Amino acid sequence: MSQMPQQAALSKCPSCEEPLESGDRFCGACGYDLSAVPQRPQDNPTIAMNGSVPAQGAPAGEYPEPPSAPPAGTAWPGPDGADAPDAVHLPADLPGTDSGGSALPPETPPPPSAPPAAGGGVRFDRPQADGSAASPEIYQTQPDEYLLQAPDPRASADPAAQAAGTGGKVCVACRAGRVDDDGYCENCGHAQPRERDHMEQESGPVAAVSDRGLRHHRNEDAFAIGTTALPDGSPASVAIVCDGVSSATRPDDASAAASRAAGETLLAALPRGTHPQQAMHDAILAASRAVNSLAAEPATALEQAPHQNAPACTIVGAVVTSGLLIVGWVGDSRAYWVPVDRSAPPARLTEDDSWAAQMVAAGLMNEAEAYADERAHAITGWLGADAYELEPHTAAFKPDRPGVVVVCTDGLWNYAEAAEEMARVVPLDAATQPLHSARVLLGHALDGGGHDNVTVALVPFPAVPQGAGSA
């Protein structure tokens, strides 16, 4: 292994600066002992990580080696000792500059007990009087002007929470924006589902579900359910289902008005002792008046066009007591009877006010031919200001066994038209699990294509005392 030379050759005497011969031990001019000259450091300088600079007078590119730690038990040489090293400067002892080359302001460190001072924000975009940008050092002298504040804990960073906090609805698409009064998200513009797109309700033993379906842009069906007590204290259950006529003006408003009026009329009349069949007749008339009143409202006039009709809908309802089953209807919404004992025959309890039903009643077509015709669902009876003379249909039944009444729009029975088909899709526990069973029937219609709005209500027979419902 090669070794570094022990003594560097000198060309001049460090005392008198006279030339020297190679190998001289003493200067020939002044007699200076050349062995006292320290050796030249190795040519592998180490740069200190604290940014220290070479000692004054050291050759360019040469840095003194950092002193090694003394052996254990040996103290560092004192400041007055002959071998004392040069003073070591801390970074704070040297003048510094900022990134722009300007001198840093003097800083007095706070006492240990003092809290840290608030940091100042620095801005470089504020113009001076002449329009130019101010230099950074100007803001260093104004540390309190742009304090960097901590976030206000009272202001939530969650936009959805902010929207909910202001009483607004949160977008179902982005979950961040507030929904405006027109039903659109202020953040992403997504149209929000209407409240009526899917509705569920359970009232004691009665339950109903309504859904927009898969093809329609809105839900034009509506329902009303409830329970009450007859004058003798026995229970009574009520269900009303309405289907808006899509070709008419404001069909969704028509079905809502009709179902609400009919439901309120029944629940008010039955406790007074009105016979359930008469109460159903009166309820349909009340629903008709409610729909007729929509034709005179300004909203109808704004939407009315020469090729449109007044608001209109169909209606079907059921009243169930301890021993009596009453149904009433106008249009093509239906009611079915499905016994708990499926060995007994089911039955359809209503007859449609439709072109197909008229063809079958007149003997011109059989049922299969009539309902295969494209005119099959053209209704011949409805509620509305432009309807023909209103003839509410009512019928009374006295079932001899327990069962469930299915009250529905054609959005369901299109996929289970015959009574036997409906009985096959109604769950076996529908009388005790009406809400679950209504959801199952909705799923059957959606699985079949969901071409129309779907609404179904289930009413157990005989009437169940109030407080009972889905387990």
Foldseek 3Di string as FASTA:
>chain_A
DDDDDPADFDQADPPPRDGDDTPDQADPPPRHGPVPDDHDDDLPADQDPQRDDADPPDDPSHHDDPDDDDPPPDDQDDPPDPPHDDDDDHPVVDWDADPVRHTDDDDDDDPPVDDDDFFADFDQPDADPVRHTDDRVVCVVVRPPHTDDDDDPVDDPQQLVVLVVVVFHAAPPPSRFGADPVQAGPPPRDRHADPQQWDWDDFFAKIKIWHFFDADPHGLKDKDWYKDAACVRFIKIKIKIKGWDVQAPPSSQLNHQLRVQLNVQLRVPRNVPDDNQVSNVVSNVRSLVSQAVQQPDVVRVVVDDPRHHGIKMWMKMWMATQFKIKIKIWAAWWKKWAALPNVDAIGTDDQHQFPLSVCCVVVNDPNVVSCVDPRNRHGQTIRYPPHDPDDMDMDMDGDPHKTKMKTWGVLQCVLQVGNNSVNVQQDSCCSQAVRVRNVSSVVSSNVVPRNGIIMIMMAIPNHDPGPGHHD
